[in-house]
PDB file of N, CA and C in Angstrom:
ATOM      1  N   MET A   1       0.876  -1.155  -0.024  1.00  0.00           N
ATOM      2  CA  MET A   1      -0.033   0.053   0.096  1.00  0.00           C
ATOM      3  C   MET A   1       0.857   1.207   0.013  1.00  0.00           C
ATOM      4  N   ASP A   2       1.888   1.212   0.774  1.00  0.00           N
ATOM      5  CA  ASP A   2       2.767   2.459   0.999  1.00  0.00           C
ATOM      6  C   ASP A   2       3.437   2.552  -0.439  1.00  0.00           C
ATOM      7  N   THR A   3       3.941   1.586  -1.126  1.00  0.00           N
ATOM      8  CA  THR A   3       4.465   1.653  -2.383  1.00  0.00           C
ATOM      9  C   THR A   3       3.470   2.252  -3.354  1.00  0.00           C
ATOM     10  N   SER A   4       2.359   1.794  -3.397  1.00  0.00           N
ATOM     11  CA  SER A   4       1.250   2.340  -4.297  1.00  0.00           C
ATOM     12  C   SER A   4       1.038   3.845  -4.008  1.00  0.00           C
ATOM     13  N   ASP A   5       0.958   4.321  -2.734  1.00  0.00           N
ATOM     14  CA  ASP A   5       0.840   5.670  -2.405  1.00  0.00           C
ATOM     15  C   ASP A   5       1.944   6.508  -3.056  1.00  0.00           C
ATOM     16  N   HIS A   6       3.240   6.025  -2.850  1.00  0.00           N
ATOM     17  CA  HIS A   6       4.320   6.761  -3.467  1.00  0.00           C
ATOM     18  C   HIS A   6       4.251   6.823  -5.014  1.00  0.00           C
ATOM     19  N   GLU A   7       3.924   5.722  -5.501  1.00  0.00           N
ATOM     20  CA  GLU A   7       3.714   5.735  -7.066  1.00  0.00           C
ATOM     21  C   GLU A   7       2.689   6.668  -7.465  1.00  0.00           C
ATOM     22  N   VAL A   8       1.536   6.760  -6.800  1.00  0.00           N
ATOM     23  CA  VAL A   8       0.477   7.745  -7.229  1.00  0.00           C
ATOM     24  C   VAL A   8       0.988   9.150  -7.230  1.00  0.00           C
ATOM     25  N   ASN A   9       1.594   9.353  -6.038  1.00  0.00           N
ATOM     26  CA  ASN A   9       2.183  10.748  -5.727  1.00  0.00           C
ATOM     27  C   ASN A   9       3.138  11.281  -6.930  1.00  0.00           C
ATOM     28  N   ILE A  10       4.038  10.295  -7.126  1.00  0.00           N
ATOM     29  CA  ILE A  10       5.085  10.573  -8.157  1.00  0.00           C
ATOM     30  C   ILE A  10       4.462  10.729  -9.530  1.00  0.00           C
ATOM     31  N   LYS A  11       3.465   9.921  -9.854  1.00  0.00           N
ATOM     32  CA  LYS A  11       2.760   9.939 -11.175  1.00  0.00           C
ATOM     33  C   LYS A  11       1.857  11.255 -11.382  1.00  0.00           C
ATOM     34  N   ILE A  12       1.363  11.760 -10.202  1.00  0.00           N
ATOM     35  CA  ILE A  12       0.666  13.072 -10.193  1.00  0.00           C
ATOM     36  C   ILE A  12       1.603  14.167 -10.581  1.00  0.00           C
ATOM     37  N   LEU A  13       2.814  14.185  -9.914  1.00  0.00           N
ATOM     38  CA  LEU A  13       3.688  15.200 -10.132  1.00  0.00           C
ATOM     39  C   LEU A  13       4.307  15.073 -11.621  1.00  0.00           C
ATOM     40  N   THR A  14       4.557  13.932 -12.029  1.00  0.00           N
ATOM     41  CA  THR A  14       5.072  13.818 -13.450  1.00  0.00           C
ATOM     42  C   THR A  14       4.039  14.150 -14.478  1.00  0.00           C
ATOM     43  N   SER A  15       2.740  13.890 -14.160  1.00  0.00           N
ATOM     44  CA  SER A  15       1.723  14.204 -15.109  1.00  0.00           C
ATOM     45  C   SER A  15       1.503  15.667 -15.315  1.00  0.00           C
ATOM     46  N   ALA A  16       1.762  16.417 -14.140  1.00  0.00           N
ATOM     47  CA  ALA A  16       1.703  17.801 -14.177  1.00  0.00           C
ATOM     48  C   ALA A  16       2.872  18.368 -15.167  1.00  0.00           C
ATOM     49  N   LEU A  17       4.013  17.828 -14.992  1.00  0.00           N
ATOM     50  CA  LEU A  17       5.150  18.145 -15.848  1.00  0.00           C
ATOM     51  C   LEU A  17       4.893  17.802 -17.283  1.00  0.00           C
ATOM     52  N   GLN A  18       4.250  16.666 -17.476  1.00  0.00           N
ATOM     53  CA  GLN A  18       3.823  16.304 -18.891  1.00  0.00           C
ATOM     54  C   GLN A  18       2.880  17.298 -19.464  1.00  0.00           C
ATOM     55  N   ALA A  19       1.790  17.630 -18.699  1.00  0.00           N
ATOM     56  CA  ALA A  19       0.894  18.621 -19.227  1.00  0.00           C
ATOM     57  C   ALA A  19       1.360  19.949 -19.581  1.00  0.00           C
ATOM     58  N   LYS A  20       2.461  20.387 -18.848  1.00  0.00           N
ATOM     59  CA  LYS A  20       3.162  21.654 -19.145  1.00  0.00           C
ATOM     60  C   LYS A  20       4.125  21.497 -20.357  1.00  0.00           C
ATOM     61  N   GLY A  21       4.313  20.285 -20.785  1.00  0.00           N
ATOM     62  CA  GLY A  21       5.342  20.048 -21.823  1.00  0.00           C
ATOM     63  C   GLY A  21       6.661  19.971 -21.374  1.00  0.00           C
ATOM     64  N   ALA A  22       6.896  19.872 -20.129  1.00  0.00           N
ATOM     65  CA  ALA A  22       8.262  19.922 -19.577  1.00  0.00           C
ATOM     66  C   ALA A  22       8.823  18.482 -19.486  1.00  0.00           C
ATOM     67  N   LEU A  23       7.987  17.530 -19.761  1.00  0.00           N
ATOM     68  CA  LEU A  23       8.393  16.058 -19.671  1.00  0.00           C
ATOM     69  C   LEU A  23       7.603  15.274 -20.616  1.00  0.00           C
ATOM     70  N   ASP A  24       8.307  14.475 -21.600  1.00  0.00           N
ATOM     71  CA  ASP A  24       7.480  13.731 -22.415  1.00  0.00           C
ATOM     72  C   ASP A  24       7.448  12.271 -21.820  1.00  0.00           C
ATOM     73  N   ARG A  25       6.514  11.447 -22.479  1.00  0.00           N
ATOM     74  CA  ARG A  25       6.325  10.143 -21.857  1.00  0.00           C
ATOM     75  C   ARG A  25       7.560   9.287 -21.774  1.00  0.00           C
ATOM     76  N   PRO A  26       8.415   9.107 -22.760  1.00  0.00           N
ATOM     77  CA  PRO A  26       9.605   8.269 -22.658  1.00  0.00           C
ATOM     78  C   PRO A  26      10.507   8.798 -21.652  1.00  0.00           C
ATOM     79  N   ALA A  27      10.673  10.076 -21.331  1.00  0.00           N
ATOM     80  CA  ALA A  27      11.613  10.697 -20.301  1.00  0.00           C
ATOM     81  C   ALA A  27      10.864  10.419 -18.952  1.00  0.00           C
ATOM     82  N   ARG A  28       9.548  10.530 -18.930  1.00  0.00           N
ATOM     83  CA  ARG A  28       8.784  10.098 -17.552  1.00  0.00           C
ATOM     84  C   ARG A  28       9.101   8.642 -17.222  1.00  0.00           C
ATOM     85  N   ASP A  29       8.929   7.863 -18.224  1.00  0.00           N
ATOM     86  CA  ASP A  29       9.163   6.402 -17.954  1.00  0.00           C
ATOM     87  C   ASP A  29      10.617   6.030 -17.513  1.00  0.00           C
ATOM     88  N   LYS A  30      11.524   6.779 -18.128  1.00  0.00           N
ATOM     89  CA  LYS A  30      12.869   6.616 -17.799  1.00  0.00           C
ATOM     90  C   LYS A  30      13.132   7.073 -16.379  1.00  0.00           C
ATOM     91  N   LEU A  31      12.630   8.208 -15.948  1.00  0.00           N
ATOM     92  CA  LEU A  31      12.730   8.874 -14.682  1.00  0.00           C
ATOM     93  C   LEU A  31      12.187   7.913 -13.585  1.00  0.00           C
ATOM     94  N   LEU A  32      10.890   7.384 -14.006  1.00  0.00           N
ATOM     95  CA  LEU A  32      10.264   6.509 -12.912  1.00  0.00           C
ATOM     96  C   LEU A  32      11.213   5.240 -12.578  1.00  0.00           C
ATOM     97  N   GLN A  33      11.720   4.666 -13.799  1.00  0.00           N
ATOM     98  CA  GLN A  33      12.576   3.567 -13.624  1.00  0.00           C
ATOM     99  C   GLN A  33      13.857   3.828 -12.864  1.00  0.00           C
ATOM    100  N   SER A  34      14.351   4.909 -12.985  1.00  0.00           N
ATOM    101  CA  SER A  34      15.631   5.440 -12.288  1.00  0.00           C
ATOM    102  C   SER A  34      15.304   5.517 -10.811  1.00  0.00           C
ATOM    103  N   MET A  35      14.093   5.742 -10.539  1.00  0.00           N
ATOM    104  CA  MET A  35      13.687   6.234  -9.009  1.00  0.00           C
ATOM    105  C   MET A  35      13.470   4.801  -8.301  1.00  0.00           C
ATOM    106  N   THR A  36      13.309   3.718  -8.922  1.00  0.00           N
ATOM    107  CA  THR A  36      12.775   2.472  -8.326  1.00  0.00           C
ATOM    108  C   THR A  36      13.525   2.172  -7.111  1.00  0.00           C
ATOM    109  N   ASP A  37      14.803   2.086  -7.096  1.00  0.00           N
ATOM    110  CA  ASP A  37      15.537   1.601  -5.891  1.00  0.00           C
ATOM    111  C   ASP A  37      15.359   2.690  -4.721  1.00  0.00           C
ATOM    112  N   GLU A  38      15.483   3.921  -5.153  1.00  0.00           N
ATOM    113  CA  GLU A  38      15.286   4.997  -4.065  1.00  0.00           C
ATOM    114  C   GLU A  38      13.938   4.911  -3.453  1.00  0.00           C
ATOM    115  N   VAL A  39      12.915   4.734  -4.211  1.00  0.00           N
ATOM    116  CA  VAL A  39      11.620   4.648  -3.826  1.00  0.00           C
ATOM    117  C   VAL A  39      11.411   3.402  -2.928  1.00  0.00           C
ATOM    118  N   ALA A  40      11.912   2.329  -3.275  1.00  0.00           N
ATOM    119  CA  ALA A  40      11.828   1.033  -2.476  1.00  0.00           C
ATOM    120  C   ALA A  40      12.427   1.218  -1.179  1.00  0.00           C
ATOM    121  N   ALA A  41      13.705   1.693  -1.213  1.00  0.00           N
ATOM    122  CA  ALA A  41      14.386   2.022   0.082  1.00  0.00           C
ATOM    123  C   ALA A  41      13.610   2.959   1.031  1.00  0.00           C
ATOM    124  N   HIS A  42      13.002   4.043   0.462  1.00  0.00           N
ATOM    125  CA  HIS A  42      12.205   4.893   1.231  1.00  0.00           C
ATOM    126  C   HIS A  42      10.946   4.195   1.809  1.00  0.00           C
ATOM    127  N   VAL A  43      10.328   3.438   1.087  1.00  0.00           N
ATOM    128  CA  VAL A  43       9.147   2.680   1.516  1.00  0.00           C
ATOM    129  C   VAL A  43       9.535   1.647   2.650  1.00  0.00           C
ATOM    130  N   LEU A  44      10.626   0.907   2.457  1.00  0.00           N
ATOM    131  CA  LEU A  44      11.000   0.065   3.496  1.00  0.00           C
ATOM    132  C   LEU A  44      11.394   0.790   4.896  1.00  0.00           C
ATOM    133  N   GLN A  45      12.095   1.920   4.667  1.00  0.00           N
ATOM    134  CA  GLN A  45      12.442   2.662   5.934  1.00  0.00           C
ATOM    135  C   GLN A  45      11.133   3.245   6.572  1.00  0.00           C
ATOM    136  N   HIS A  46      10.158   3.670   5.795  1.00  0.00           N
ATOM    137  CA  HIS A  46       8.911   4.161   6.301  1.00  0.00           C
ATOM    138  C   HIS A  46       8.068   3.006   7.030  1.00  0.00           C
ATOM    139  N   ASN A  47       8.116   1.865   6.418  1.00  0.00           N
ATOM    140  CA  ASN A  47       7.443   0.717   7.002  1.00  0.00           C
ATOM    141  C   ASN A  47       8.157   0.394   8.331  1.00  0.00           C
ATOM    142  N   HIS A  48       9.569   0.288   8.374  1.00  0.00           N
ATOM    143  CA  HIS A  48      10.384   0.148   9.602  1.00  0.00           C
ATOM    144  C   HIS A  48       9.886   1.126  10.626  1.00  0.00           C
ATOM    145  N   ASP A  49       9.930   2.563  10.292  1.00  0.00           N
ATOM    146  CA  ASP A  49       9.556   3.537  11.189  1.00  0.00           C
ATOM    147  C   ASP A  49       8.217   3.501  11.791  1.00  0.00           C
ATOM    148  N   GLN A  50       7.273   3.053  10.974  1.00  0.00           N
ATOM    149  CA  GLN A  50       5.904   2.764  11.462  1.00  0.00           C
ATOM    150  C   GLN A  50       5.703   1.619  12.462  1.00  0.00           C
ATOM    151  N   THR A  51       6.436   0.597  12.168  1.00  0.00           N
ATOM    152  CA  THR A  51       6.542  -0.609  13.160  1.00  0.00           C
ATOM    153  C   THR A  51       7.098  -0.195  14.427  1.00  0.00           C
ATOM    154  N   LEU A  52       8.197   0.577  14.344  1.00  0.00           N
ATOM    155  CA  LEU A  52       8.830   1.084  15.539  1.00  0.00           C
ATOM    156  C   LEU A  52       7.852   1.925  16.383  1.00  0.00           C
ATOM    157  N   ALA A  53       7.125   2.872  15.698  1.00  0.00           N
ATOM    158  CA  ALA A  53       6.183   3.883  16.343  1.00  0.00           C
ATOM    159  C   ALA A  53       5.147   3.049  17.015  1.00  0.00           C
ATOM    160  N   LEU A  54       4.500   2.061  16.261  1.00  0.00           N
ATOM    161  CA  LEU A  54       3.453   1.242  16.911  1.00  0.00           C
ATOM    162  C   LEU A  54       4.011   0.428  18.121  1.00  0.00           C
ATOM    163  N   SER A  55       5.190  -0.065  17.979  1.00  0.00           N
ATOM    164  CA  SER A  55       5.758  -0.787  19.176  1.00  0.00           C
ATOM    165  C   SER A  55       6.105   0.102  20.434  1.00  0.00           C
ATOM    166  N   LEU A  56       6.531   1.289  20.120  1.00  0.00           N
ATOM    167  CA  LEU A  56       6.676   2.214  21.235  1.00  0.00           C
ATOM    168  C   LEU A  56       5.366   2.679  21.832  1.00  0.00           C
ATOM    169  N   LEU A  57       4.363   2.834  21.019  1.00  0.00           N
ATOM    170  CA  LEU A  57       2.936   3.316  21.529  1.00  0.00           C
ATOM    171  C   LEU A  57       2.278   2.008  22.298  1.00  0.00           C
ATOM    172  N   GLU A  58       2.550   0.915  21.838  1.00  0.00           N
ATOM    173  CA  GLU A  58       1.964  -0.300  22.535  1.00  0.00           C
ATOM    174  C   GLU A  58       2.548  -0.362  23.864  1.00  0.00           C
ATOM    175  N   GLN A  59       3.849   0.052  24.219  1.00  0.00           N
ATOM    176  CA  GLN A  59       4.461  -0.124  25.439  1.00  0.00           C
ATOM    177  C   GLN A  59       3.693   0.835  26.385  1.00  0.00           C
ATOM    178  N   THR A  60       3.204   2.016  26.037  1.00  0.00           N
ATOM    179  CA  THR A  60       2.507   2.986  26.935  1.00  0.00           C
ATOM    180  C   THR A  60       1.083   3.085  26.826  1.00  0.00           C
ATOM    181  N   ALA A  61       0.493   2.142  25.989  1.00  0.00           N
ATOM    182  CA  ALA A  61      -0.988   2.272  25.651  1.00  0.00           C
ATOM    183  C   ALA A  61      -1.780   2.090  26.941  1.00  0.00           C
ATOM    184  N   ALA A  62      -1.437   1.169  27.633  1.00  0.00           N
ATOM    185  CA  ALA A  62      -2.289   0.817  28.857  1.00  0.00           C
ATOM    186  C   ALA A  62      -2.240   1.987  29.916  1.00  0.00           C
ATOM    187  N   ARG A  63      -1.017   2.633  30.039  1.00  0.00           N
ATOM    188  CA  ARG A  63      -0.914   3.755  30.948  1.00  0.00           C
ATOM    189  C   ARG A  63      -1.681   4.994  30.444  1.00  0.00           C
ATOM    190  N   ARG A  64      -1.927   5.049  29.168  1.00  0.00           N
ATOM    191  CA  ARG A  64      -2.470   6.228  28.569  1.00  0.00           C
ATOM    192  C   ARG A  64      -3.932   5.962  28.182  1.00  0.00           C
ATOM    193  N   ALA A  65      -4.498   4.957  28.645  1.00  0.00           N
ATOM    194  CA  ALA A  65      -5.853   4.651  28.205  1.00  0.00           C
ATOM    195  C   ALA A  65      -6.921   5.467  28.669  1.00  0.00           C
ATOM    196  N   GLY A  66      -6.705   6.181  29.934  1.00  0.00           N
ATOM    197  CA  GLY A  66      -7.692   7.090  30.489  1.00  0.00           C
ATOM    198  C   GLY A  66      -7.887   8.335  29.516  1.00  0.00           C
ATOM    199  N   ALA A  67      -6.784   8.723  28.968  1.00  0.00           N
ATOM    200  CA  ALA A  67      -6.748   9.983  28.179  1.00  0.00           C
ATOM    201  C   ALA A  67      -7.608   9.844  26.923  1.00  0.00           C
ATOM    202  N   SER A  68      -7.517   8.776  26.328  1.00  0.00           N
ATOM    203  CA  SER A  68      -8.219   8.409  25.104  1.00  0.00           C
ATOM    204  C   SER A  68      -9.741   8.076  25.390  1.00  0.00           C
ATOM    205  N   ARG A  69      -9.944   7.635  26.591  1.00  0.00           N
ATOM    206  CA  ARG A  69     -11.379   7.319  27.037  1.00  0.00           C
ATOM    207  C   ARG A  69     -12.223   8.531  26.950  1.00  0.00           C
ATOM    208  N   LEU A  70     -11.701   9.641  27.514  1.00  0.00           N
ATOM    209  CA  LEU A  70     -12.521  10.870  27.458  1.00  0.00           C
ATOM    210  C   LEU A  70     -12.667  11.349  26.082  1.00  0.00           C
ATOM    211  N   LEU A  71     -11.607  11.533  25.250  1.00  0.00           N
ATOM    212  CA  LEU A  71     -11.769  11.888  23.872  1.00  0.00           C
ATOM    213  C   LEU A  71     -12.746  11.114  23.118  1.00  0.00           C
ATOM    214  N   HIS A  72     -12.670   9.681  23.234  1.00  0.00           N
ATOM    215  CA  HIS A  72     -13.636   8.929  22.508  1.00  0.00           C
ATOM    216  C   HIS A  72     -14.969   9.240  22.943  1.00  0.00           C
ATOM    217  N   ALA A  73     -15.195   9.362  24.258  1.00  0.00           N
ATOM    218  CA  ALA A  73     -16.582   9.512  24.662  1.00  0.00           C
ATOM    219  C   ALA A  73     -17.110  10.873  24.161  1.00  0.00           C
ATOM    220  N   GLN A  74     -16.335  11.905  24.168  1.00  0.00           N
ATOM    221  CA  GLN A  74     -16.785  13.122  23.499  1.00  0.00           C
ATOM    222  C   GLN A  74     -17.073  13.093  22.072  1.00  0.00           C
ATOM    223  N   LEU A  75     -16.192  12.363  21.329  1.00  0.00           N
ATOM    224  CA  LEU A  75     -16.449  12.192  19.805  1.00  0.00           C
ATOM    225  C   LEU A  75     -17.640  11.344  19.654  1.00  0.00           C
ATOM    226  N   VAL A  76     -17.977  10.192  20.355  1.00  0.00           N
ATOM    227  CA  VAL A  76     -19.024   9.432  20.177  1.00  0.00           C
ATOM    228  C   VAL A  76     -20.332  10.220  20.489  1.00  0.00           C
ATOM    229  N   ALA A  77     -20.295  11.011  21.628  1.00  0.00           N
ATOM    230  CA  ALA A  77     -21.459  11.830  21.929  1.00  0.00           C
ATOM    231  C   ALA A  77     -21.833  12.799  20.827  1.00  0.00           C
ATOM    232  N   ALA A  78     -20.823  13.386  20.216  1.00  0.00           N
ATOM    233  CA  ALA A  78     -20.986  14.288  19.184  1.00  0.00           C
ATOM    234  C   ALA A  78     -21.284  13.810  17.750  1.00  0.00           C
ATOM    235  N   GLY A  79     -21.331  12.366  17.720  1.00  0.00           N
ATOM    236  CA  GLY A  79     -21.660  11.755  16.532  1.00  0.00           C
ATOM    237  C   GLY A  79     -20.497  11.702  15.538  1.00  0.00           C
ATOM    238  N   ARG A  80     -19.367  12.020  15.993  1.00  0.00           N
ATOM    239  CA  ARG A  80     -18.161  12.090  15.084  1.00  0.00           C
ATOM    240  C   ARG A  80     -17.245  10.857  15.106  1.00  0.00           C
ATOM    241  N   LEU A  81     -17.580   9.889  15.921  1.00  0.00           N
ATOM    242  CA  LEU A  81     -16.846   8.681  16.038  1.00  0.00           C
ATOM    243  C   LEU A  81     -17.718   7.386  16.183  1.00  0.00           C
ATOM    244  N   ASP A  82     -17.407   6.427  15.457  1.00  0.00           N
ATOM    245  CA  ASP A  82     -18.156   5.086  15.740  1.00  0.00           C
ATOM    246  C   ASP A  82     -17.184   4.100  16.069  1.00  0.00           C
ATOM    247  N   ARG A  83     -17.119   3.682  17.249  1.00  0.00           N
ATOM    248  CA  ARG A  83     -16.030   2.865  17.769  1.00  0.00           C
ATOM    249  C   ARG A  83     -16.002   1.497  16.949  1.00  0.00           C
ATOM    250  N   VAL A  84     -17.123   0.990  16.635  1.00  0.00           N
ATOM    251  CA  VAL A  84     -17.091  -0.365  15.884  1.00  0.00           C
ATOM    252  C   VAL A  84     -16.545  -0.091  14.481  1.00  0.00           C
ATOM    253  N   VAL A  85     -16.889   0.901  13.730  1.00  0.00           N
ATOM    254  CA  VAL A  85     -16.274   1.112  12.393  1.00  0.00           C
ATOM    255  C   VAL A  85     -14.715   1.393  12.493  1.00  0.00           C
ATOM    256  N   GLU A  86     -14.273   2.169  13.425  1.00  0.00           N
ATOM    257  CA  GLU A  86     -12.900   2.409  13.766  1.00  0.00           C
ATOM    258  C   GLU A  86     -12.056   1.292  14.361  1.00  0.00           C
ATOM    259  N   GLY A  87     -12.794   0.325  14.795  1.00  0.00           N
ATOM    260  CA  GLY A  87     -12.120  -0.801  15.474  1.00  0.00           C
ATOM    261  C   GLY A  87     -11.590  -0.505  16.938  1.00  0.00           C
ATOM    262  N   LEU A  88     -12.215   0.497  17.559  1.00  0.00           N
ATOM    263  CA  LEU A  88     -11.742   1.015  18.853  1.00  0.00           C
ATOM    264  C   LEU A  88     -12.487   0.195  19.939  1.00  0.00           C
ATOM    265  N   PRO A  89     -11.845   0.031  21.011  1.00  0.00           N
ATOM    266  CA  PRO A  89     -12.404  -0.614  22.148  1.00  0.00           C
ATOM    267  C   PRO A  89     -13.466   0.287  22.764  1.00  0.00           C
ATOM    268  N   GLY A  90     -14.403  -0.497  23.461  1.00  0.00           N
ATOM    269  CA  GLY A  90     -15.511   0.261  24.198  1.00  0.00           C
ATOM    270  C   GLY A  90     -14.951   0.622  25.581  1.00  0.00           C
ATOM    271  N   VAL A  91     -15.827   1.366  26.279  1.00  0.00           N
ATOM    272  CA  VAL A  91     -15.560   1.930  27.638  1.00  0.00           C
ATOM    273  C   VAL A  91     -14.986   0.789  28.614  1.00  0.00           C
ATOM    274  N   ALA A  92     -15.731  -0.419  28.579  1.00  0.00           N
ATOM    275  CA  ALA A  92     -15.248  -1.504  29.482  1.00  0.00           C
ATOM    276  C   ALA A  92     -13.937  -2.074  29.199  1.00  0.00           C
ATOM    277  N   ALA A  93     -13.705  -2.139  27.833  1.00  0.00           N
ATOM    278  CA  ALA A  93     -12.374  -2.605  27.422  1.00  0.00           C
ATOM    279  C   ALA A  93     -11.252  -1.755  27.717  1.00  0.00           C
ATOM    280  N   ILE A  94     -11.514  -0.385  27.673  1.00  0.00           N
ATOM    281  CA  ILE A  94     -10.546   0.634  27.990  1.00  0.00           C
ATOM    282  C   ILE A  94     -10.248   0.528  29.512  1.00  0.00           C
ATOM    283  N   ALA A  95     -11.413   0.425  30.234  1.00  0.00           N
ATOM    284  CA  ALA A  95     -11.183   0.298  31.707  1.00  0.00           C
ATOM    285  C   ALA A  95     -10.325  -0.924  32.115  1.00  0.00           C
ATOM    286  N   GLU A  96     -10.534  -2.041  31.433  1.00  0.00           N
ATOM    287  CA  GLU A  96      -9.784  -3.226  31.638  1.00  0.00           C
ATOM    288  C   GLU A  96      -8.334  -3.046  31.372  1.00  0.00           C
ATOM    289  N   LEU A  97      -8.084  -2.408  30.243  1.00  0.00           N
ATOM    290  CA  LEU A  97      -6.723  -2.127  29.769  1.00  0.00           C
ATOM    291  C   LEU A  97      -6.016  -1.197  30.823  1.00  0.00           C
ATOM    292  N   LYS A  98      -6.783  -0.269  31.295  1.00  0.00           N
ATOM    293  CA  LYS A  98      -6.188   0.613  32.387  1.00  0.00           C
ATOM    294  C   LYS A  98      -5.725  -0.185  33.584  1.00  0.00           C
ATOM    295  N   LYS A  99      -6.582  -1.093  33.949  1.00  0.00           N
ATOM    296  CA  LYS A  99      -6.280  -1.900  35.184  1.00  0.00           C
ATOM    297  C   LYS A  99      -4.989  -2.708  34.824  1.00  0.00           C
ATOM    298  N   THR A 100      -4.792  -3.236  33.700  1.00  0.00           N
ATOM    299  CA  THR A 100      -3.614  -4.005  33.420  1.00  0.00           C
ATOM    300  C   THR A 100      -2.342  -3.217  33.549  1.00  0.00           C
ATOM    301  N   ALA A 101      -2.445  -1.793  33.314  1.00  0.00           N
ATOM    302  CA  ALA A 101      -1.278  -0.940  33.444  1.00  0.00           C
ATOM    303  C   ALA A 101      -0.821  -0.799  34.906  1.00  0.00           C
ATOM    304  N   ARG A 102      -1.745  -1.107  35.793  1.00  0.00           N
ATOM    305  CA  ARG A 102      -1.467  -0.883  37.184  1.00  0.00           C
ATOM    306  C   ARG A 102      -0.738  -2.180  37.852  1.00  0.00           C
ATOM    307  N   ALA A 103      -1.161  -3.266  37.068  1.00  0.00           N
ATOM    308  CA  ALA A 103      -0.747  -4.547  37.581  1.00  0.00           C
ATOM    309  C   ALA A 103       0.790  -4.809  37.539  1.00  0.00           C
TER     310      ALA A 103
END
């Protein structure tokens, strides 16, 4: 998915250059091919960074459960958040998670 996002963004940029006449199709294709290794390295680094961020957040999630509980409740009450659609835990699950942080 991340690779596809990068590809789409690059193609949007190159399409704008093509529309202005600053880049023809063969030059665009050559440019895209020349970028393959660099884009792949960027995507892999981004995936690594995302995994690290999630791991770090997981370590503190239980201790921080109370802060998200209030925000979630406000957003649900305002009709701006559906816990089921977003895959978020309910009030009871958050309370249980908070208990595990104390244990």
